[in-house]
PDB file of N, CA and C in Angstrom:
ATOM      1  N   UNK A   1      -9.703  -7.876  39.071  1.00  0.00           N
ATOM      2  CA  UNK A   1      -9.167  -7.467  38.027  1.00  0.00           C
ATOM      3  C   UNK A   1      -8.167  -8.439  37.428  1.00  0.00           C
ATOM      4  N   UNK A   2      -8.272  -9.132  36.358  1.00  0.00           N
ATOM      5  CA  UNK A   2      -7.631  -9.824  35.681  1.00  0.00           C
ATOM      6  C   UNK A   2      -6.188  -9.315  35.161  1.00  0.00           C
ATOM      7  N   UNK A   3      -5.145 -10.147  35.442  1.00  0.00           N
ATOM      8  CA  UNK A   3      -3.871  -9.644  34.723  1.00  0.00           C
ATOM      9  C   UNK A   3      -3.492 -10.386  33.373  1.00  0.00           C
ATOM     10  N   UNK A   4      -2.958  -9.504  32.531  1.00  0.00           N
ATOM     11  CA  UNK A   4      -2.572 -10.215  31.227  1.00  0.00           C
ATOM     12  C   UNK A   4      -1.066 -10.102  31.367  1.00  0.00           C
ATOM     13  N   UNK A   5      -0.822 -11.572  31.020  1.00  0.00           N
ATOM     14  CA  UNK A   5       0.853 -11.542  30.626  1.00  0.00           C
ATOM     15  C   UNK A   5       0.967 -12.333  29.350  1.00  0.00           C
ATOM     16  N   UNK A   6       1.939 -11.820  28.488  1.00  0.00           N
ATOM     17  CA  UNK A   6       2.022 -12.720  27.256  1.00  0.00           C
ATOM     18  C   UNK A   6       3.234 -13.390  27.400  1.00  0.00           C
ATOM     19  N   UNK A   7       3.020 -14.912  27.463  1.00  0.00           N
ATOM     20  CA  UNK A   7       4.416 -15.661  27.511  1.00  0.00           C
ATOM     21  C   UNK A   7       4.678 -16.081  26.131  1.00  0.00           C
ATOM     22  N   UNK A   8       3.638 -16.541  25.411  1.00  0.00           N
ATOM     23  CA  UNK A   8       4.006 -16.858  23.993  1.00  0.00           C
ATOM     24  C   UNK A   8       2.990 -16.310  23.070  1.00  0.00           C
ATOM     25  N   UNK A   9       3.309 -16.348  21.887  1.00  0.00           N
ATOM     26  CA  UNK A   9       2.205 -15.460  20.816  1.00  0.00           C
ATOM     27  C   UNK A   9       0.953 -16.419  20.780  1.00  0.00           C
ATOM     28  N   UNK A  10       1.000 -17.761  21.154  1.00  0.00           N
ATOM     29  CA  UNK A  10      -0.180 -18.680  21.171  1.00  0.00           C
ATOM     30  C   UNK A  10      -1.299 -18.347  22.301  1.00  0.00           C
ATOM     31  N   UNK A  11      -0.903 -17.437  23.245  1.00  0.00           N
ATOM     32  CA  UNK A  11      -1.826 -16.821  24.007  1.00  0.00           C
ATOM     33  C   UNK A  11      -2.652 -15.781  23.670  1.00  0.00           C
ATOM     34  N   UNK A  12      -2.124 -15.183  22.633  1.00  0.00           N
ATOM     35  CA  UNK A  12      -2.915 -13.836  22.134  1.00  0.00           C
ATOM     36  C   UNK A  12      -4.244 -13.994  21.845  1.00  0.00           C
ATOM     37  N   UNK A  13      -4.925 -15.275  21.356  1.00  0.00           N
ATOM     38  CA  UNK A  13      -6.060 -15.327  20.845  1.00  0.00           C
ATOM     39  C   UNK A  13      -6.970 -15.100  22.148  1.00  0.00           C
ATOM     40  N   UNK A  14      -6.373 -16.048  23.192  1.00  0.00           N
ATOM     41  CA  UNK A  14      -7.204 -16.136  24.692  1.00  0.00           C
ATOM     42  C   UNK A  14      -7.292 -14.766  25.176  1.00  0.00           C
ATOM     43  N   UNK A  15      -6.378 -13.940  25.199  1.00  0.00           N
ATOM     44  CA  UNK A  15      -6.209 -12.528  25.876  1.00  0.00           C
ATOM     45  C   UNK A  15      -7.173 -11.677  25.109  1.00  0.00           C
ATOM     46  N   UNK A  16      -7.081 -11.773  24.000  1.00  0.00           N
ATOM     47  CA  UNK A  16      -7.923 -10.932  22.905  1.00  0.00           C
ATOM     48  C   UNK A  16      -9.562 -11.350  23.210  1.00  0.00           C
ATOM     49  N   UNK A  17      -9.913 -12.459  23.413  1.00  0.00           N
ATOM     50  CA  UNK A  17     -11.097 -12.964  23.679  1.00  0.00           C
ATOM     51  C   UNK A  17     -11.641 -12.374  25.168  1.00  0.00           C
ATOM     52  N   UNK A  18     -10.582 -12.659  26.178  1.00  0.00           N
ATOM     53  CA  UNK A  18     -10.989 -12.024  27.454  1.00  0.00           C
ATOM     54  C   UNK A  18     -11.290 -10.519  27.491  1.00  0.00           C
ATOM     55  N   UNK A  19     -10.411  -9.715  26.860  1.00  0.00           N
ATOM     56  CA  UNK A  19     -10.518  -8.288  26.647  1.00  0.00           C
ATOM     57  C   UNK A  19     -11.889  -7.983  25.881  1.00  0.00           C
ATOM     58  N   UNK A  20     -12.135  -9.053  25.062  1.00  0.00           N
ATOM     59  CA  UNK A  20     -13.572  -8.285  24.250  1.00  0.00           C
ATOM     60  C   UNK A  20     -14.569  -8.590  25.306  1.00  0.00           C
ATOM     61  N   UNK A  21     -14.669  -9.782  25.991  1.00  0.00           N
ATOM     62  CA  UNK A  21     -15.670  -9.923  27.119  1.00  0.00           C
ATOM     63  C   UNK A  21     -15.790  -8.722  28.002  1.00  0.00           C
ATOM     64  N   UNK A  22     -14.638  -8.269  28.371  1.00  0.00           N
ATOM     65  CA  UNK A  22     -14.566  -7.312  29.543  1.00  0.00           C
ATOM     66  C   UNK A  22     -15.233  -5.851  28.716  1.00  0.00           C
ATOM     67  N   UNK A  23     -14.826  -5.645  27.643  1.00  0.00           N
ATOM     68  CA  UNK A  23     -14.873  -4.257  26.928  1.00  0.00           C
ATOM     69  C   UNK A  23     -16.574  -4.384  26.538  1.00  0.00           C
ATOM     70  N   UNK A  24     -17.078  -5.364  26.216  1.00  0.00           N
ATOM     71  CA  UNK A  24     -18.500  -5.519  26.001  1.00  0.00           C
ATOM     72  C   UNK A  24     -19.489  -5.395  27.115  1.00  0.00           C
ATOM     73  N   UNK A  25     -19.112  -5.373  28.360  1.00  0.00           N
ATOM     74  CA  UNK A  25     -19.663  -5.223  29.663  1.00  0.00           C
ATOM     75  C   UNK A  25     -19.457  -3.550  29.896  1.00  0.00           C
ATOM     76  N   UNK A  26     -18.699  -2.799  29.519  1.00  0.00           N
ATOM     77  CA  UNK A  26     -18.689  -1.443  29.842  1.00  0.00           C
ATOM     78  C   UNK A  26     -20.079  -0.964  29.448  1.00  0.00           C
ATOM     79  N   UNK A  27     -20.413   0.026  30.352  1.00  0.00           N
ATOM     80  CA  UNK A  27     -21.631   0.999  30.029  1.00  0.00           C
ATOM     81  C   UNK A  27     -21.175   2.287  29.675  1.00  0.00           C
ATOM     82  N   UNK A  28     -22.139   3.049  29.196  1.00  0.00           N
ATOM     83  CA  UNK A  28     -21.906   4.450  28.529  1.00  0.00           C
ATOM     84  C   UNK A  28     -21.212   5.283  29.815  1.00  0.00           C
ATOM     85  N   UNK A  29     -21.814   5.047  30.874  1.00  0.00           N
ATOM     86  CA  UNK A  29     -21.071   5.837  32.007  1.00  0.00           C
ATOM     87  C   UNK A  29     -19.808   5.419  32.311  1.00  0.00           C
ATOM     88  N   UNK A  30     -19.414   4.040  32.229  1.00  0.00           N
ATOM     89  CA  UNK A  30     -18.414   3.678  32.367  1.00  0.00           C
ATOM     90  C   UNK A  30     -17.084   4.242  31.219  1.00  0.00           C
ATOM     91  N   UNK A  31     -17.733   4.954  30.210  1.00  0.00           N
ATOM     92  CA  UNK A  31     -16.648   5.482  29.244  1.00  0.00           C
ATOM     93  C   UNK A  31     -16.612   6.784  29.351  1.00  0.00           C
ATOM     94  N   UNK A  32     -17.770   7.491  30.015  1.00  0.00           N
ATOM     95  CA  UNK A  32     -17.722   9.073  29.652  1.00  0.00           C
ATOM     96  C   UNK A  32     -17.856   9.616  31.211  1.00  0.00           C
ATOM     97  N   UNK A  33     -17.309  10.567  31.467  1.00  0.00           N
ATOM     98  CA  UNK A  33     -17.818  11.340  32.624  1.00  0.00           C
ATOM     99  C   UNK A  33     -18.974  12.227  32.455  1.00  0.00           C
ATOM    100  N   UNK A  34     -20.134  11.544  32.933  1.00  0.00           N
ATOM    101  CA  UNK A  34     -21.333  12.100  32.680  1.00  0.00           C
ATOM    102  C   UNK A  34     -22.418  11.798  33.760  1.00  0.00           C
ATOM    103  N   UNK A  35     -23.691  12.388  33.640  1.00  0.00           N
ATOM    104  CA  UNK A  35     -24.891  12.018  34.656  1.00  0.00           C
ATOM    105  C   UNK A  35     -26.107  11.792  33.806  1.00  0.00           C
ATOM    106  N   UNK A  36     -27.040  11.230  34.043  1.00  0.00           N
ATOM    107  CA  UNK A  36     -28.512  11.015  33.275  1.00  0.00           C
ATOM    108  C   UNK A  36     -29.326  12.045  34.162  1.00  0.00           C
ATOM    109  N   UNK A  37     -30.069  12.715  33.713  1.00  0.00           N
ATOM    110  CA  UNK A  37     -31.102  13.552  34.316  1.00  0.00           C
ATOM    111  C   UNK A  37     -32.369  12.647  34.920  1.00  0.00           C
ATOM    112  N   UNK A  38     -33.110  13.114  35.729  1.00  0.00           N
ATOM    113  CA  UNK A  38     -34.387  12.358  35.964  1.00  0.00           C
ATOM    114  C   UNK A  38     -35.045  12.477  34.832  1.00  0.00           C
ATOM    115  N   UNK A  39     -36.641  11.838  34.803  1.00  0.00           N
ATOM    116  CA  UNK A  39     -37.385  11.933  33.726  1.00  0.00           C
ATOM    117  C   UNK A  39     -38.081  13.532  33.930  1.00  0.00           C
ATOM    118  N   UNK A  40     -38.082  14.175  32.910  1.00  0.00           N
ATOM    119  CA  UNK A  40     -38.338  15.730  32.956  1.00  0.00           C
ATOM    120  C   UNK A  40     -39.598  15.740  31.982  1.00  0.00           C
ATOM    121  N   UNK A  41     -40.602  16.576  32.513  1.00  0.00           N
ATOM    122  CA  UNK A  41     -41.442  16.710  31.481  1.00  0.00           C
ATOM    123  C   UNK A  41     -41.439  18.277  31.246  1.00  0.00           C
ATOM    124  N   UNK A  42     -41.695  18.785  29.994  1.00  0.00           N
ATOM    125  CA  UNK A  42     -41.789  20.432  29.914  1.00  0.00           C
ATOM    126  C   UNK A  42     -43.055  20.389  28.852  1.00  0.00           C
ATOM    127  N   UNK A  43     -43.676  21.624  29.122  1.00  0.00           N
ATOM    128  CA  UNK A  43     -44.326  22.182  28.218  1.00  0.00           C
ATOM    129  C   UNK A  43     -43.849  22.875  26.956  1.00  0.00           C
ATOM    130  N   UNK A  44     -44.638  23.027  26.152  1.00  0.00           N
ATOM    131  CA  UNK A  44     -43.876  23.753  24.819  1.00  0.00           C
ATOM    132  C   UNK A  44     -43.460  25.043  25.157  1.00  0.00           C
ATOM    133  N   UNK A  45     -42.269  25.242  24.870  1.00  0.00           N
ATOM    134  CA  UNK A  45     -41.609  26.713  25.261  1.00  0.00           C
ATOM    135  C   UNK A  45     -41.051  26.796  26.601  1.00  0.00           C
ATOM    136  N   UNK A  46     -41.411  26.069  27.329  1.00  0.00           N
ATOM    137  CA  UNK A  46     -40.901  25.927  28.982  1.00  0.00           C
ATOM    138  C   UNK A  46     -39.357  25.664  29.009  1.00  0.00           C
ATOM    139  N   UNK A  47     -38.544  25.857  29.908  1.00  0.00           N
ATOM    140  CA  UNK A  47     -37.380  25.665  30.126  1.00  0.00           C
ATOM    141  C   UNK A  47     -37.289  24.991  31.614  1.00  0.00           C
ATOM    142  N   UNK A  48     -35.997  24.189  32.072  1.00  0.00           N
ATOM    143  CA  UNK A  48     -35.714  23.746  33.097  1.00  0.00           C
ATOM    144  C   UNK A  48     -34.416  23.860  33.795  1.00  0.00           C
ATOM    145  N   UNK A  49     -34.235  24.153  34.985  1.00  0.00           N
ATOM    146  CA  UNK A  49     -32.860  24.442  35.568  1.00  0.00           C
ATOM    147  C   UNK A  49     -32.595  22.975  36.532  1.00  0.00           C
ATOM    148  N   UNK A  50     -31.411  22.206  35.959  1.00  0.00           N
ATOM    149  CA  UNK A  50     -31.076  20.961  36.502  1.00  0.00           C
ATOM    150  C   UNK A  50     -29.651  21.191  37.206  1.00  0.00           C
ATOM    151  N   UNK A  51     -29.618  20.550  38.592  1.00  0.00           N
ATOM    152  CA  UNK A  51     -28.522  20.877  39.076  1.00  0.00           C
ATOM    153  C   UNK A  51     -27.365  19.909  38.387  1.00  0.00           C
ATOM    154  N   UNK A  52     -26.168  20.377  38.326  1.00  0.00           N
ATOM    155  CA  UNK A  52     -25.315  19.784  37.489  1.00  0.00           C
ATOM    156  C   UNK A  52     -24.547  18.785  38.621  1.00  0.00           C
ATOM    157  N   UNK A  53     -24.354  17.514  38.267  1.00  0.00           N
ATOM    158  CA  UNK A  53     -23.727  16.357  39.072  1.00  0.00           C
ATOM    159  C   UNK A  53     -22.186  16.279  38.704  1.00  0.00           C
ATOM    160  N   UNK A  54     -21.828  17.049  37.754  1.00  0.00           N
ATOM    161  CA  UNK A  54     -20.458  17.040  37.609  1.00  0.00           C
ATOM    162  C   UNK A  54     -19.547  18.007  38.215  1.00  0.00           C
ATOM    163  N   UNK A  55     -18.352  17.898  38.553  1.00  0.00           N
ATOM    164  CA  UNK A  55     -17.545  18.941  39.077  1.00  0.00           C
ATOM    165  C   UNK A  55     -17.136  20.141  38.187  1.00  0.00           C
ATOM    166  N   UNK A  56     -17.299  19.912  36.908  1.00  0.00           N
ATOM    167  CA  UNK A  56     -16.898  20.896  35.971  1.00  0.00           C
ATOM    168  C   UNK A  56     -17.911  21.540  35.250  1.00  0.00           C
ATOM    169  N   UNK A  57     -17.694  22.427  34.422  1.00  0.00           N
ATOM    170  CA  UNK A  57     -18.959  22.911  33.636  1.00  0.00           C
ATOM    171  C   UNK A  57     -19.220  21.857  32.343  1.00  0.00           C
ATOM    172  N   UNK A  58     -20.407  21.366  32.247  1.00  0.00           N
ATOM    173  CA  UNK A  58     -20.170  20.507  30.770  1.00  0.00           C
ATOM    174  C   UNK A  58     -20.384  21.261  29.675  1.00  0.00           C
ATOM    175  N   UNK A  59     -20.038  20.430  28.831  1.00  0.00           N
ATOM    176  CA  UNK A  59     -19.889  20.938  27.190  1.00  0.00           C
ATOM    177  C   UNK A  59     -21.052  20.244  26.329  1.00  0.00           C
ATOM    178  N   UNK A  60     -21.473  19.225  26.523  1.00  0.00           N
ATOM    179  CA  UNK A  60     -22.543  18.752  25.421  1.00  0.00           C
ATOM    180  C   UNK A  60     -23.739  17.752  26.509  1.00  0.00           C
ATOM    181  N   UNK A  61     -24.495  17.399  25.520  1.00  0.00           N
ATOM    182  CA  UNK A  61     -25.560  16.501  26.160  1.00  0.00           C
ATOM    183  C   UNK A  61     -26.405  15.734  25.105  1.00  0.00           C
ATOM    184  N   UNK A  62     -26.830  14.743  25.549  1.00  0.00           N
ATOM    185  CA  UNK A  62     -27.443  13.907  24.542  1.00  0.00           C
ATOM    186  C   UNK A  62     -28.755  13.246  24.989  1.00  0.00           C
ATOM    187  N   UNK A  63     -29.666  13.401  23.734  1.00  0.00           N
ATOM    188  CA  UNK A  63     -31.174  12.998  24.425  1.00  0.00           C
ATOM    189  C   UNK A  63     -31.170  11.571  24.406  1.00  0.00           C
ATOM    190  N   UNK A  64     -31.386  10.932  25.453  1.00  0.00           N
ATOM    191  CA  UNK A  64     -31.580   9.342  25.333  1.00  0.00           C
ATOM    192  C   UNK A  64     -32.816   8.838  25.545  1.00  0.00           C
ATOM    193  N   UNK A  65     -33.768   9.763  25.913  1.00  0.00           N
ATOM    194  CA  UNK A  65     -35.169   9.014  25.862  1.00  0.00           C
ATOM    195  C   UNK A  65     -36.196  10.041  25.827  1.00  0.00           C
ATOM    196  N   UNK A  66     -37.095   9.906  24.857  1.00  0.00           N
ATOM    197  CA  UNK A  66     -38.232  11.212  25.167  1.00  0.00           C
ATOM    198  C   UNK A  66     -39.554  10.595  24.393  1.00  0.00           C
ATOM    199  N   UNK A  67     -40.510  11.027  24.874  1.00  0.00           N
ATOM    200  CA  UNK A  67     -42.232  10.887  24.324  1.00  0.00           C
ATOM    201  C   UNK A  67     -42.632  12.279  23.938  1.00  0.00           C
ATOM    202  N   UNK A  68     -43.490  12.387  23.249  1.00  0.00           N
ATOM    203  CA  UNK A  68     -44.196  13.644  22.764  1.00  0.00           C
ATOM    204  C   UNK A  68     -43.599  14.241  21.894  1.00  0.00           C
ATOM    205  N   UNK A  69     -43.830  15.575  21.576  1.00  0.00           N
ATOM    206  CA  UNK A  69     -43.041  16.386  20.555  1.00  0.00           C
ATOM    207  C   UNK A  69     -41.587  16.581  21.105  1.00  0.00           C
ATOM    208  N   UNK A  70     -40.763  15.936  21.155  1.00  0.00           N
ATOM    209  CA  UNK A  70     -39.616  16.203  21.947  1.00  0.00           C
ATOM    210  C   UNK A  70     -38.542  16.806  20.819  1.00  0.00           C
ATOM    211  N   UNK A  71     -38.350  18.123  21.011  1.00  0.00           N
ATOM    212  CA  UNK A  71     -37.458  19.009  20.329  1.00  0.00           C
ATOM    213  C   UNK A  71     -36.760  19.674  21.625  1.00  0.00           C
ATOM    214  N   UNK A  72     -35.905  18.866  22.440  1.00  0.00           N
ATOM    215  CA  UNK A  72     -35.567  19.253  23.586  1.00  0.00           C
ATOM    216  C   UNK A  72     -33.871  19.855  23.190  1.00  0.00           C
ATOM    217  N   UNK A  73     -33.365  20.914  23.754  1.00  0.00           N
ATOM    218  CA  UNK A  73     -31.936  21.397  23.600  1.00  0.00           C
ATOM    219  C   UNK A  73     -31.494  22.204  24.610  1.00  0.00           C
ATOM    220  N   UNK A  74     -30.300  22.266  24.790  1.00  0.00           N
ATOM    221  CA  UNK A  74     -29.692  22.951  25.596  1.00  0.00           C
ATOM    222  C   UNK A  74     -29.802  24.289  25.816  1.00  0.00           C
ATOM    223  N   UNK A  75     -30.213  24.981  26.734  1.00  0.00           N
ATOM    224  CA  UNK A  75     -30.612  26.102  26.839  1.00  0.00           C
ATOM    225  C   UNK A  75     -30.034  27.131  27.634  1.00  0.00           C
ATOM    226  N   UNK A  76     -29.870  28.510  27.565  1.00  0.00           N
ATOM    227  CA  UNK A  76     -29.484  29.534  28.591  1.00  0.00           C
ATOM    228  C   UNK A  76     -30.484  30.536  28.620  1.00  0.00           C
ATOM    229  N   UNK A  77     -31.819  30.420  28.344  1.00  0.00           N
ATOM    230  CA  UNK A  77     -32.755  31.158  28.297  1.00  0.00           C
ATOM    231  C   UNK A  77     -33.367  31.920  29.756  1.00  0.00           C
ATOM    232  N   UNK A  78     -32.466  31.320  30.817  1.00  0.00           N
ATOM    233  CA  UNK A  78     -32.900  32.129  31.803  1.00  0.00           C
ATOM    234  C   UNK A  78     -31.562  33.329  31.995  1.00  0.00           C
ATOM    235  N   UNK A  79     -30.982  33.690  30.707  1.00  0.00           N
ATOM    236  CA  UNK A  79     -29.879  34.216  30.896  1.00  0.00           C
ATOM    237  C   UNK A  79     -28.427  34.092  31.605  1.00  0.00           C
ATOM    238  N   UNK A  80     -28.611  32.664  32.048  1.00  0.00           N
ATOM    239  CA  UNK A  80     -27.324  32.078  32.572  1.00  0.00           C
ATOM    240  C   UNK A  80     -26.764  30.923  31.692  1.00  0.00           C
ATOM    241  N   UNK A  81     -25.415  30.700  31.733  1.00  0.00           N
ATOM    242  CA  UNK A  81     -25.013  29.691  30.782  1.00  0.00           C
ATOM    243  C   UNK A  81     -24.816  28.429  31.845  1.00  0.00           C
ATOM    244  N   UNK A  82     -24.548  27.252  31.080  1.00  0.00           N
ATOM    245  CA  UNK A  82     -24.040  26.319  31.814  1.00  0.00           C
ATOM    246  C   UNK A  82     -23.091  26.426  32.854  1.00  0.00           C
ATOM    247  N   UNK A  83     -23.035  26.018  34.034  1.00  0.00           N
ATOM    248  CA  UNK A  83     -22.051  26.270  35.222  1.00  0.00           C
ATOM    249  C   UNK A  83     -21.797  25.033  35.643  1.00  0.00           C
ATOM    250  N   UNK A  84     -20.760  25.021  36.730  1.00  0.00           N
ATOM    251  CA  UNK A  84     -20.506  24.121  37.470  1.00  0.00           C
ATOM    252  C   UNK A  84     -21.636  23.830  38.682  1.00  0.00           C
ATOM    253  N   UNK A  85     -22.650  24.570  38.464  1.00  0.00           N
ATOM    254  CA  UNK A  85     -23.865  24.395  39.285  1.00  0.00           C
ATOM    255  C   UNK A  85     -25.069  23.981  38.415  1.00  0.00           C
ATOM    256  N   UNK A  86     -25.262  24.370  37.565  1.00  0.00           N
ATOM    257  CA  UNK A  86     -26.555  23.844  36.869  1.00  0.00           C
ATOM    258  C   UNK A  86     -26.505  24.064  35.543  1.00  0.00           C
ATOM    259  N   UNK A  87     -27.466  23.229  34.640  1.00  0.00           N
ATOM    260  CA  UNK A  87     -27.559  23.250  33.311  1.00  0.00           C
ATOM    261  C   UNK A  87     -29.029  23.442  32.978  1.00  0.00           C
ATOM    262  N   UNK A  88     -29.313  23.911  31.862  1.00  0.00           N
ATOM    263  CA  UNK A  88     -30.598  24.233  31.530  1.00  0.00           C
ATOM    264  C   UNK A  88     -31.004  23.637  30.220  1.00  0.00           C
ATOM    265  N   UNK A  89     -32.324  23.267  30.032  1.00  0.00           N
ATOM    266  CA  UNK A  89     -32.726  22.678  29.171  1.00  0.00           C
ATOM    267  C   UNK A  89     -34.147  23.275  28.413  1.00  0.00           C
ATOM    268  N   UNK A  90     -34.290  23.098  27.456  1.00  0.00           N
ATOM    269  CA  UNK A  90     -35.764  24.008  26.718  1.00  0.00           C
ATOM    270  C   UNK A  90     -36.395  23.155  25.802  1.00  0.00           C
ATOM    271  N   UNK A  91     -37.758  22.943  25.886  1.00  0.00           N
ATOM    272  CA  UNK A  91     -38.529  22.400  24.893  1.00  0.00           C
ATOM    273  C   UNK A  91     -39.094  23.375  23.699  1.00  0.00           C
ATOM    274  N   UNK A  92     -37.987  23.145  22.653  1.00  0.00           N
ATOM    275  CA  UNK A  92     -38.330  23.987  21.653  1.00  0.00           C
ATOM    276  C   UNK A  92     -39.981  23.696  20.513  1.00  0.00           C
ATOM    277  N   UNK A  93     -40.260  22.300  20.948  1.00  0.00           N
ATOM    278  CA  UNK A  93     -41.374  21.525  20.603  1.00  0.00           C
ATOM    279  C   UNK A  93     -42.868  22.254  20.501  1.00  0.00           C
ATOM    280  N   UNK A  94     -43.819  22.062  19.683  1.00  0.00           N
ATOM    281  CA  UNK A  94     -44.858  22.570  19.782  1.00  0.00           C
ATOM    282  C   UNK A  94     -45.732  21.879  21.030  1.00  0.00           C
ATOM    283  N   UNK A  95     -45.563  20.879  21.182  1.00  0.00           N
ATOM    284  CA  UNK A  95     -46.498  20.269  22.314  1.00  0.00           C
ATOM    285  C   UNK A  95     -45.598  19.729  23.491  1.00  0.00           C
ATOM    286  N   UNK A  96     -45.969  19.446  24.703  1.00  0.00           N
ATOM    287  CA  UNK A  96     -45.259  19.051  25.824  1.00  0.00           C
ATOM    288  C   UNK A  96     -44.541  17.695  25.332  1.00  0.00           C
ATOM    289  N   UNK A  97     -43.375  17.698  26.175  1.00  0.00           N
ATOM    290  CA  UNK A  97     -42.556  16.391  25.959  1.00  0.00           C
ATOM    291  C   UNK A  97     -41.836  15.951  27.389  1.00  0.00           C
ATOM    292  N   UNK A  98     -41.676  14.526  27.602  1.00  0.00           N
ATOM    293  CA  UNK A  98     -41.003  14.115  28.529  1.00  0.00           C
ATOM    294  C   UNK A  98     -39.810  13.363  28.057  1.00  0.00           C
ATOM    295  N   UNK A  99     -38.662  13.503  28.834  1.00  0.00           N
ATOM    296  CA  UNK A  99     -37.480  13.235  28.475  1.00  0.00           C
ATOM    297  C   UNK A  99     -36.448  13.148  29.314  1.00  0.00           C
ATOM    298  N   UNK A 100     -35.084  12.094  28.940  1.00  0.00           N
ATOM    299  CA  UNK A 100     -33.985  12.196  30.030  1.00  0.00           C
ATOM    300  C   UNK A 100     -32.994  12.496  28.877  1.00  0.00           C
ATOM    301  N   UNK A 101     -31.994  13.332  29.612  1.00  0.00           N
ATOM    302  CA  UNK A 101     -30.715  13.626  29.067  1.00  0.00           C
ATOM    303  C   UNK A 101     -29.670  13.031  29.770  1.00  0.00           C
ATOM    304  N   UNK A 102     -28.441  12.708  28.983  1.00  0.00           N
ATOM    305  CA  UNK A 102     -27.075  12.636  29.824  1.00  0.00           C
ATOM    306  C   UNK A 102     -26.458  13.705  29.194  1.00  0.00           C
ATOM    307  N   UNK A 103     -25.878  14.155  30.140  1.00  0.00           N
ATOM    308  CA  UNK A 103     -24.851  15.303  30.381  1.00  0.00           C
ATOM    309  C   UNK A 103     -23.563  14.984  30.346  1.00  0.00           C
ATOM    310  N   UNK A 104     -22.640  15.605  29.479  1.00  0.00           N
ATOM    311  CA  UNK A 104     -21.308  15.214  29.262  1.00  0.00           C
ATOM    312  C   UNK A 104     -20.203  16.144  29.505  1.00  0.00           C
ATOM    313  N   UNK A 105     -19.179  15.851  30.127  1.00  0.00           N
ATOM    314  CA  UNK A 105     -18.338  16.538  30.463  1.00  0.00           C
ATOM    315  C   UNK A 105     -17.776  17.603  29.018  1.00  0.00           C
TER     316      UNK A 105
END
């Protein structure tokens, strides 16, 4: 890990450049406590139970990849809310869809 010391104001542009290079290398996962699901396929109206890989109950999800009639959302159709153990998704679309979700803290 690089250490940064500012001896003079003349060094500031160099340090900003080094920080910018490092920040551009960060991934989504580096910035958020999250996990990405495996590729899942759901028929219209179907739901799926996915093991929660976080140590807490997640609060959000982002659809990051999909094909088909992908109207996928968080669900508790099984009568269970998201928990420390599982999260649930449902295909609200009229056809089957294949997708991946990022689940966030």
